[in-house]
């Protein structure tokens, strides 16, 4: 093949397609070491990074849907707007999250400051504000092509080098530069060694001052009660929706079977059913 190319082609170029585990050459890779006895500091470290340093065009990969949603609540409580992307969301919710993160703020014309024009768009039709932080799980973010991502943060390192390359490949595309910051625990040392070995440039260690971690840890601890209340309220709302769906199905079957069994007004039956579920929940405590 090489001889044929030499004879028939002028200045042939070789293209290699088997380097599936290679990161972009314009990617700056960093890691933050998590000590074995300080695993509980991960959340504080992540929030410190997002608030102090990486507040623009950042994707954060979290290991589970539960942790992704919990971090979304925490960041929202401290006034740091973001979108979440995970498997517990509907397709419409995922598309909305991507729209908020993907669309450039420049795509919307600036509001007039003359005071002579007013918006006639209904409040419910106004899109939610753009966000610069996207919290995602691997499964939900698979196959997405999002432009202008500046930073990738790994809350935990993935299981394989292939997964790592897939994550950090969301930044440093084409001629752009990018950065990947990974929180690395003791169980991640093997993969970290492989990352360092295969990196085109030296992998840097990033250190966050202990007093900064302590400050953000205290801030998050004060919010834990509020987070639990929000999660409990969401769980109760899901339970009530499920109860309503179950009741509607039962009523439909009864109506189809016998119209005479529908003497009790529907609204009263719904209230009785919901109240019974709440009473059972209180008795269980």
Foldseek 3Di string as FASTA:
>chain_A
DVVVCVVPHDPDDDDDDPPLLAAAQQEAEEEEEAEPVRLVLLLLVVVLCCVPPNVAQEEEEDADPVVQVLSCVLCVVVPAHAAEFEDVDDPVSNVLRLCLQQDDPVVDDDDDPPPPDDDPDDPVPDRDHRGGYYYYYLVRCPPDAGPDRAEYEYSEDDDDSSSVNRRNNNDPPDPHHHYYYYYYYPVCVVVVVVCQVNRPDHYYYDDDDPVSSVVSVVVSVVCPVVSVVVVVVVVLVVVLVVQVVVVVVVVVVVCVVDVVVCPDDPVVVSVVSSVVVVVVVVVVD
